[in-house]
Amino acid sequence: MTTGLVSEKGQITLPASARRKLGIQPQSRVEILVREGEIVIRPLKTISEVAGVFHRYARNGSPDWDAEREAAERAVARQMADE
């Protein structure tokens, strides 16, 4: 287990071993989640790191983005109705 110290300004220095393991460099963006009595810090991906994520849509030419948007809207509406 690695520990850290919270400064008077509320800042925490992430240990070098944790930064190396997760690829967190100076000026990297991180997501901070608070849940069930814990704080989770995880790195966010940059645009260049997620390049090609939509590659599967381009297999047979351009995707039908209107149809994709409508499908996503229906999925969100179903999820909201279930809650």
PDB file of N, CA and C in Angstrom:
ATOM      1  N   MET A   1       0.850  -1.183   0.000  1.00  0.00           N
ATOM      2  CA  MET A   1       0.000   0.000   0.000  1.00  0.00           C
ATOM      3  C   MET A   1       0.890   1.238   0.000  1.00  0.00           C
ATOM      4  N   THR A   2       0.516   2.197  -0.802  1.00  0.00           N
ATOM      5  CA  THR A   2       1.229   3.460  -0.874  1.00  0.00           C
ATOM      6  C   THR A   2       0.363   4.522  -0.221  1.00  0.00           C
ATOM      7  N   THR A   3       0.983   5.412   0.531  1.00  0.00           N
ATOM      8  CA  THR A   3       0.225   6.472   1.185  1.00  0.00           C
ATOM      9  C   THR A   3       0.683   7.822   0.673  1.00  0.00           C
ATOM     10  N   GLY A   4      -0.112   8.829   0.924  1.00  0.00           N
ATOM     11  CA  GLY A   4       0.218  10.189   0.555  1.00  0.00           C
ATOM     12  C   GLY A   4      -0.164  11.117   1.688  1.00  0.00           C
ATOM     13  N   LEU A   5       0.092  12.381   1.521  1.00  0.00           N
ATOM     14  CA  LEU A   5      -0.201  13.379   2.539  1.00  0.00           C
ATOM     15  C   LEU A   5      -0.997  14.503   1.896  1.00  0.00           C
ATOM     16  N   VAL A   6      -2.036  14.958   2.564  1.00  0.00           N
ATOM     17  CA  VAL A   6      -2.845  16.068   2.079  1.00  0.00           C
ATOM     18  C   VAL A   6      -2.265  17.356   2.661  1.00  0.00           C
ATOM     19  N   SER A   7      -1.934  18.307   1.792  1.00  0.00           N
ATOM     20  CA  SER A   7      -1.364  19.583   2.248  1.00  0.00           C
ATOM     21  C   SER A   7      -2.463  20.456   2.845  1.00  0.00           C
ATOM     22  N   GLU A   8      -2.045  21.580   3.416  1.00  0.00           N
ATOM     23  CA  GLU A   8      -3.014  22.527   3.985  1.00  0.00           C
ATOM     24  C   GLU A   8      -3.931  23.098   2.912  1.00  0.00           C
ATOM     25  N   LYS A   9      -3.500  23.082   1.663  1.00  0.00           N
ATOM     26  CA  LYS A   9      -4.327  23.568   0.547  1.00  0.00           C
ATOM     27  C   LYS A   9      -5.205  22.465  -0.027  1.00  0.00           C
ATOM     28  N   GLY A  10      -5.134  21.253   0.532  1.00  0.00           N
ATOM     29  CA  GLY A  10      -5.945  20.139   0.036  1.00  0.00           C
ATOM     30  C   GLY A  10      -5.318  19.408  -1.130  1.00  0.00           C
ATOM     31  N   GLN A  11      -4.053  19.675  -1.397  1.00  0.00           N
ATOM     32  CA  GLN A  11      -3.376  19.034  -2.519  1.00  0.00           C
ATOM     33  C   GLN A  11      -2.737  17.719  -2.094  1.00  0.00           C
ATOM     34  N   ILE A  12      -2.713  16.777  -3.019  1.00  0.00           N
ATOM     35  CA  ILE A  12      -2.099  15.476  -2.783  1.00  0.00           C
ATOM     36  C   ILE A  12      -1.072  15.240  -3.885  1.00  0.00           C
ATOM     37  N   THR A  13       0.100  14.767  -3.511  1.00  0.00           N
ATOM     38  CA  THR A  13       1.094  14.371  -4.497  1.00  0.00           C
ATOM     39  C   THR A  13       0.916  12.885  -4.750  1.00  0.00           C
ATOM     40  N   LEU A  14       0.692  12.529  -6.009  1.00  0.00           N
ATOM     41  CA  LEU A  14       0.568  11.119  -6.351  1.00  0.00           C
ATOM     42  C   LEU A  14       1.961  10.496  -6.362  1.00  0.00           C
ATOM     43  N   PRO A  15       2.158   9.384  -5.680  1.00  0.00           N
ATOM     44  CA  PRO A  15       3.475   8.752  -5.661  1.00  0.00           C
ATOM     45  C   PRO A  15       3.943   8.395  -7.073  1.00  0.00           C
ATOM     46  N   ALA A  16       5.245   8.539  -7.294  1.00  0.00           N
ATOM     47  CA  ALA A  16       5.827   8.290  -8.616  1.00  0.00           C
ATOM     48  C   ALA A  16       5.505   6.892  -9.117  1.00  0.00           C
ATOM     49  N   SER A  17       5.526   5.897  -8.237  1.00  0.00           N
ATOM     50  CA  SER A  17       5.253   4.522  -8.675  1.00  0.00           C
ATOM     51  C   SER A  17       3.835   4.389  -9.222  1.00  0.00           C
ATOM     52  N   ALA A  18       2.874   5.060  -8.604  1.00  0.00           N
ATOM     53  CA  ALA A  18       1.485   5.015  -9.079  1.00  0.00           C
ATOM     54  C   ALA A  18       1.349   5.754 -10.402  1.00  0.00           C
ATOM     55  N   ARG A  19       2.024   6.911 -10.521  1.00  0.00           N
ATOM     56  CA  ARG A  19       1.969   7.669 -11.777  1.00  0.00           C
ATOM     57  C   ARG A  19       2.559   6.876 -12.924  1.00  0.00           C
ATOM     58  N   ARG A  20       3.696   6.237 -12.684  1.00  0.00           N
ATOM     59  CA  ARG A  20       4.321   5.428 -13.740  1.00  0.00           C
ATOM     60  C   ARG A  20       3.411   4.275 -14.154  1.00  0.00           C
ATOM     61  N   LYS A  21       2.845   3.597 -13.175  1.00  0.00           N
ATOM     62  CA  LYS A  21       1.998   2.431 -13.458  1.00  0.00           C
ATOM     63  C   LYS A  21       0.795   2.799 -14.324  1.00  0.00           C
ATOM     64  N   LEU A  22       0.231   3.993 -14.095  1.00  0.00           N
ATOM     65  CA  LEU A  22      -0.960   4.420 -14.829  1.00  0.00           C
ATOM     66  C   LEU A  22      -0.659   5.362 -15.988  1.00  0.00           C
ATOM     67  N   GLY A  23       0.617   5.673 -16.202  1.00  0.00           N
ATOM     68  CA  GLY A  23       0.980   6.545 -17.316  1.00  0.00           C
ATOM     69  C   GLY A  23       0.572   7.988 -17.108  1.00  0.00           C
ATOM     70  N   ILE A  24       0.510   8.448 -15.877  1.00  0.00           N
ATOM     71  CA  ILE A  24       0.138   9.828 -15.585  1.00  0.00           C
ATOM     72  C   ILE A  24       1.399  10.683 -15.657  1.00  0.00           C
ATOM     73  N   GLN A  25       1.398  11.629 -16.584  1.00  0.00           N
ATOM     74  CA  GLN A  25       2.524  12.544 -16.802  1.00  0.00           C
ATOM     75  C   GLN A  25       2.152  13.915 -16.248  1.00  0.00           C
ATOM     76  N   PRO A  26       3.133  14.815 -16.098  1.00  0.00           N
ATOM     77  CA  PRO A  26       2.789  16.186 -15.708  1.00  0.00           C
ATOM     78  C   PRO A  26       1.769  16.770 -16.682  1.00  0.00           C
ATOM     79  N   GLN A  27       0.817  17.475 -16.163  1.00  0.00           N
ATOM     80  CA  GLN A  27      -0.281  18.110 -16.909  1.00  0.00           C
ATOM     81  C   GLN A  27      -1.314  17.101 -17.424  1.00  0.00           C
ATOM     82  N   SER A  28      -1.237  15.849 -17.021  1.00  0.00           N
ATOM     83  CA  SER A  28      -2.252  14.871 -17.405  1.00  0.00           C
ATOM     84  C   SER A  28      -3.571  15.219 -16.729  1.00  0.00           C
ATOM     85  N   ARG A  29      -4.654  14.892 -17.372  1.00  0.00           N
ATOM     86  CA  ARG A  29      -5.987  15.074 -16.787  1.00  0.00           C
ATOM     87  C   ARG A  29      -6.358  13.791 -16.065  1.00  0.00           C
ATOM     88  N   VAL A  30      -6.995  13.935 -14.910  1.00  0.00           N
ATOM     89  CA  VAL A  30      -7.478  12.783 -14.158  1.00  0.00           C
ATOM     90  C   VAL A  30      -8.931  13.014 -13.791  1.00  0.00           C
ATOM     91  N   GLU A  31      -9.643  11.929 -13.619  1.00  0.00           N
ATOM     92  CA  GLU A  31     -11.033  11.971 -13.170  1.00  0.00           C
ATOM     93  C   GLU A  31     -11.028  11.649 -11.684  1.00  0.00           C
ATOM     94  N   ILE A  32     -11.807  12.394 -10.909  1.00  0.00           N
ATOM     95  CA  ILE A  32     -11.885  12.180  -9.475  1.00  0.00           C
ATOM     96  C   ILE A  32     -13.327  11.823  -9.137  1.00  0.00           C
ATOM     97  N   LEU A  33     -13.512  10.620  -8.601  1.00  0.00           N
ATOM     98  CA  LEU A  33     -14.830  10.135  -8.229  1.00  0.00           C
ATOM     99  C   LEU A  33     -14.899   9.977  -6.717  1.00  0.00           C
ATOM    100  N   VAL A  34     -16.010  10.382  -6.125  1.00  0.00           N
ATOM    101  CA  VAL A  34     -16.241  10.166  -4.707  1.00  0.00           C
ATOM    102  C   VAL A  34     -17.403   9.199  -4.601  1.00  0.00           C
ATOM    103  N   ARG A  35     -17.133   8.045  -3.952  1.00  0.00           N
ATOM    104  CA  ARG A  35     -18.190   7.038  -3.838  1.00  0.00           C
ATOM    105  C   ARG A  35     -17.973   6.175  -2.607  1.00  0.00           C
ATOM    106  N   GLU A  36     -19.035   5.923  -1.914  1.00  0.00           N
ATOM    107  CA  GLU A  36     -19.042   5.009  -0.778  1.00  0.00           C
ATOM    108  C   GLU A  36     -17.828   5.150   0.136  1.00  0.00           C
ATOM    109  N   GLY A  37     -17.556   6.370   0.578  1.00  0.00           N
ATOM    110  CA  GLY A  37     -16.490   6.599   1.533  1.00  0.00           C
ATOM    111  C   GLY A  37     -15.081   6.523   0.975  1.00  0.00           C
ATOM    112  N   GLU A  38     -14.921   6.641  -0.343  1.00  0.00           N
ATOM    113  CA  GLU A  38     -13.582   6.595  -0.923  1.00  0.00           C
ATOM    114  C   GLU A  38     -13.476   7.589  -2.065  1.00  0.00           C
ATOM    115  N   ILE A  39     -12.257   7.953  -2.379  1.00  0.00           N
ATOM    116  CA  ILE A  39     -11.965   8.808  -3.518  1.00  0.00           C
ATOM    117  C   ILE A  39     -11.189   7.974  -4.520  1.00  0.00           C
ATOM    118  N   VAL A  40     -11.656   7.968  -5.762  1.00  0.00           N
ATOM    119  CA  VAL A  40     -10.992   7.218  -6.826  1.00  0.00           C
ATOM    120  C   VAL A  40     -10.434   8.234  -7.820  1.00  0.00           C
ATOM    121  N   ILE A  41      -9.149   8.117  -8.110  1.00  0.00           N
ATOM    122  CA  ILE A  41      -8.491   8.985  -9.090  1.00  0.00           C
ATOM    123  C   ILE A  41      -8.035   8.105 -10.234  1.00  0.00           C
ATOM    124  N   ARG A  42      -8.487   8.425 -11.452  1.00  0.00           N
ATOM    125  CA  ARG A  42      -8.056   7.630 -12.597  1.00  0.00           C
ATOM    126  C   ARG A  42      -7.742   8.537 -13.772  1.00  0.00           C
ATOM    127  N   PRO A  43      -6.759   8.141 -14.572  1.00  0.00           N
ATOM    128  CA  PRO A  43      -6.354   8.983 -15.696  1.00  0.00           C
ATOM    129  C   PRO A  43      -7.426   9.024 -16.777  1.00  0.00           C
ATOM    130  N   LEU A  44      -7.527  10.165 -17.434  1.00  0.00           N
ATOM    131  CA  LEU A  44      -8.410  10.306 -18.588  1.00  0.00           C
ATOM    132  C   LEU A  44      -7.576  10.134 -19.844  1.00  0.00           C
ATOM    133  N   LYS A  45      -8.165   9.546 -20.841  1.00  0.00           N
ATOM    134  CA  LYS A  45      -7.482   9.343 -22.116  1.00  0.00           C
ATOM    135  C   LYS A  45      -7.523  10.626 -22.936  1.00  0.00           C
ATOM    136  N   THR A  46      -6.467  10.853 -23.692  1.00  0.00           N
ATOM    137  CA  THR A  46      -6.433  12.001 -24.597  1.00  0.00           C
ATOM    138  C   THR A  46      -7.071  11.593 -25.926  1.00  0.00           C
ATOM    139  N   ILE A  47      -7.339  12.561 -26.752  1.00  0.00           N
ATOM    140  CA  ILE A  47      -7.918  12.294 -28.072  1.00  0.00           C
ATOM    141  C   ILE A  47      -7.027  11.346 -28.860  1.00  0.00           C
ATOM    142  N   SER A  48      -5.718  11.557 -28.810  1.00  0.00           N
ATOM    143  CA  SER A  48      -4.821  10.704 -29.583  1.00  0.00           C
ATOM    144  C   SER A  48      -4.817   9.265 -29.066  1.00  0.00           C
ATOM    145  N   GLU A  49      -5.089   9.071 -27.774  1.00  0.00           N
ATOM    146  CA  GLU A  49      -5.114   7.723 -27.216  1.00  0.00           C
ATOM    147  C   GLU A  49      -6.365   6.945 -27.617  1.00  0.00           C
ATOM    148  N   VAL A  50      -7.436   7.657 -27.947  1.00  0.00           N
ATOM    149  CA  VAL A  50      -8.666   6.974 -28.353  1.00  0.00           C
ATOM    150  C   VAL A  50      -8.900   7.043 -29.854  1.00  0.00           C
ATOM    151  N   ALA A  51      -7.895   7.526 -30.591  1.00  0.00           N
ATOM    152  CA  ALA A  51      -8.009   7.595 -32.046  1.00  0.00           C
ATOM    153  C   ALA A  51      -8.316   6.203 -32.590  1.00  0.00           C
ATOM    154  N   GLY A  52      -9.253   6.134 -33.482  1.00  0.00           N
ATOM    155  CA  GLY A  52      -9.607   4.859 -34.088  1.00  0.00           C
ATOM    156  C   GLY A  52     -10.713   4.121 -33.373  1.00  0.00           C
ATOM    157  N   VAL A  53     -11.249   4.708 -32.298  1.00  0.00           N
ATOM    158  CA  VAL A  53     -12.281   4.013 -31.534  1.00  0.00           C
ATOM    159  C   VAL A  53     -13.539   3.776 -32.384  1.00  0.00           C
ATOM    160  N   PHE A  54     -13.765   4.619 -33.391  1.00  0.00           N
ATOM    161  CA  PHE A  54     -14.932   4.460 -34.255  1.00  0.00           C
ATOM    162  C   PHE A  54     -14.588   3.737 -35.558  1.00  0.00           C
ATOM    163  N   HIS A  55     -13.429   3.124 -35.581  1.00  0.00           N
ATOM    164  CA  HIS A  55     -12.964   2.431 -36.785  1.00  0.00           C
ATOM    165  C   HIS A  55     -13.970   1.396 -37.275  1.00  0.00           C
ATOM    166  N   ARG A  56     -14.615   0.687 -36.344  1.00  0.00           N
ATOM    167  CA  ARG A  56     -15.549  -0.363 -36.762  1.00  0.00           C
ATOM    168  C   ARG A  56     -16.734   0.194 -37.551  1.00  0.00           C
ATOM    169  N   TYR A  57     -17.067   1.474 -37.359  1.00  0.00           N
ATOM    170  CA  TYR A  57     -18.171   2.070 -38.097  1.00  0.00           C
ATOM    171  C   TYR A  57     -17.796   2.355 -39.547  1.00  0.00           C
ATOM    172  N   ALA A  58     -16.521   2.454 -39.829  1.00  0.00           N
ATOM    173  CA  ALA A  58     -16.072   2.842 -41.158  1.00  0.00           C
ATOM    174  C   ALA A  58     -15.805   1.653 -42.072  1.00  0.00           C
ATOM    175  N   ARG A  59     -16.089   0.456 -41.639  1.00  0.00           N
ATOM    176  CA  ARG A  59     -15.804  -0.737 -42.440  1.00  0.00           C
ATOM    177  C   ARG A  59     -16.478  -0.710 -43.807  1.00  0.00           C
ATOM    178  N   ASN A  60     -17.743  -0.374 -43.845  1.00  0.00           N
ATOM    179  CA  ASN A  60     -18.489  -0.391 -45.102  1.00  0.00           C
ATOM    180  C   ASN A  60     -18.874   1.023 -45.528  1.00  0.00           C
ATOM    181  N   GLY A  61     -17.938   1.928 -45.439  1.00  0.00           N
ATOM    182  CA  GLY A  61     -18.225   3.308 -45.807  1.00  0.00           C
ATOM    183  C   GLY A  61     -18.644   4.115 -44.596  1.00  0.00           C
ATOM    184  N   SER A  62     -19.236   5.246 -44.837  1.00  0.00           N
ATOM    185  CA  SER A  62     -19.638   6.147 -43.756  1.00  0.00           C
ATOM    186  C   SER A  62     -20.820   5.588 -42.990  1.00  0.00           C
ATOM    187  N   PRO A  63     -20.799   5.724 -41.665  1.00  0.00           N
ATOM    188  CA  PRO A  63     -21.932   5.261 -40.882  1.00  0.00           C
ATOM    189  C   PRO A  63     -23.117   6.206 -41.046  1.00  0.00           C
ATOM    190  N   ASP A  64     -24.266   5.715 -40.751  1.00  0.00           N
ATOM    191  CA  ASP A  64     -25.472   6.536 -40.755  1.00  0.00           C
ATOM    192  C   ASP A  64     -25.562   7.174 -39.373  1.00  0.00           C
ATOM    193  N   TRP A  65     -24.952   8.369 -39.222  1.00  0.00           N
ATOM    194  CA  TRP A  65     -24.867   9.002 -37.914  1.00  0.00           C
ATOM    195  C   TRP A  65     -26.233   9.380 -37.375  1.00  0.00           C
ATOM    196  N   ASP A  66     -27.185   9.706 -38.233  1.00  0.00           N
ATOM    197  CA  ASP A  66     -28.537  10.014 -37.753  1.00  0.00           C
ATOM    198  C   ASP A  66     -29.158   8.783 -37.102  1.00  0.00           C
ATOM    199  N   ALA A  67     -28.992   7.635 -37.732  1.00  0.00           N
ATOM    200  CA  ALA A  67     -29.523   6.394 -37.162  1.00  0.00           C
ATOM    201  C   ALA A  67     -28.811   6.048 -35.855  1.00  0.00           C
ATOM    202  N   GLU A  68     -27.493   6.274 -35.808  1.00  0.00           N
ATOM    203  CA  GLU A  68     -26.731   6.014 -34.587  1.00  0.00           C
ATOM    204  C   GLU A  68     -27.214   6.908 -33.450  1.00  0.00           C
ATOM    205  N   ARG A  69     -27.440   8.201 -33.752  1.00  0.00           N
ATOM    206  CA  ARG A  69     -27.923   9.139 -32.738  1.00  0.00           C
ATOM    207  C   ARG A  69     -29.303   8.744 -32.236  1.00  0.00           C
ATOM    208  N   GLU A  70     -30.194   8.380 -33.151  1.00  0.00           N
ATOM    209  CA  GLU A  70     -31.541   7.973 -32.765  1.00  0.00           C
ATOM    210  C   GLU A  70     -31.523   6.714 -31.901  1.00  0.00           C
ATOM    211  N   ALA A  71     -30.668   5.762 -32.239  1.00  0.00           N
ATOM    212  CA  ALA A  71     -30.553   4.540 -31.439  1.00  0.00           C
ATOM    213  C   ALA A  71     -30.060   4.870 -30.036  1.00  0.00           C
ATOM    214  N   ALA A  72     -29.097   5.782 -29.942  1.00  0.00           N
ATOM    215  CA  ALA A  72     -28.587   6.183 -28.625  1.00  0.00           C
ATOM    216  C   ALA A  72     -29.663   6.902 -27.824  1.00  0.00           C
ATOM    217  N   GLU A  73     -30.430   7.767 -28.478  1.00  0.00           N
ATOM    218  CA  GLU A  73     -31.514   8.473 -27.793  1.00  0.00           C
ATOM    219  C   GLU A  73     -32.566   7.494 -27.273  1.00  0.00           C
ATOM    220  N   ARG A  74     -32.907   6.482 -28.081  1.00  0.00           N
ATOM    221  CA  ARG A  74     -33.884   5.470 -27.634  1.00  0.00           C
ATOM    222  C   ARG A  74     -33.353   4.690 -26.437  1.00  0.00           C
ATOM    223  N   ALA A  75     -32.076   4.350 -26.475  1.00  0.00           N
ATOM    224  CA  ALA A  75     -31.476   3.586 -25.368  1.00  0.00           C
ATOM    225  C   ALA A  75     -31.505   4.418 -24.077  1.00  0.00           C
ATOM    226  N   VAL A  76     -31.190   5.693 -24.172  1.00  0.00           N
ATOM    227  CA  VAL A  76     -31.222   6.560 -22.991  1.00  0.00           C
ATOM    228  C   VAL A  76     -32.654   6.708 -22.493  1.00  0.00           C
ATOM    229  N   ALA A  77     -33.602   6.886 -23.393  1.00  0.00           N
ATOM    230  CA  ALA A  77     -35.012   7.013 -22.995  1.00  0.00           C
ATOM    231  C   ALA A  77     -35.500   5.751 -22.282  1.00  0.00           C
ATOM    232  N   ARG A  78     -35.118   4.573 -22.805  1.00  0.00           N
ATOM    233  CA  ARG A  78     -35.506   3.307 -22.135  1.00  0.00           C
ATOM    234  C   ARG A  78     -34.904   3.235 -20.735  1.00  0.00           C
ATOM    235  N   GLN A  79     -33.637   3.615 -20.620  1.00  0.00           N
ATOM    236  CA  GLN A  79     -32.973   3.566 -19.319  1.00  0.00           C
ATOM    237  C   GLN A  79     -33.640   4.526 -18.331  1.00  0.00           C
ATOM    238  N   MET A  80     -33.974   5.724 -18.794  1.00  0.00           N
ATOM    239  CA  MET A  80     -34.616   6.702 -17.913  1.00  0.00           C
ATOM    240  C   MET A  80     -36.004   6.226 -17.503  1.00  0.00           C
ATOM    241  N   ALA A  81     -36.720   5.568 -18.399  1.00  0.00           N
ATOM    242  CA  ALA A  81     -38.055   5.061 -18.083  1.00  0.00           C
ATOM    243  C   ALA A  81     -38.004   3.933 -17.053  1.00  0.00           C
ATOM    244  N   ASP A  82     -36.919   3.156 -17.075  1.00  0.00           N
ATOM    245  CA  ASP A  82     -36.768   2.055 -16.141  1.00  0.00           C
ATOM    246  C   ASP A  82     -36.413   2.505 -14.731  1.00  0.00           C
ATOM    247  N   GLU A  83     -35.893   3.731 -14.598  1.00  0.00           N
ATOM    248  CA  GLU A  83     -35.460   4.224 -13.269  1.00  0.00           C
ATOM    249  C   GLU A  83     -36.574   4.730 -12.460  1.00  0.00           C
TER     250      GLU A  83
END
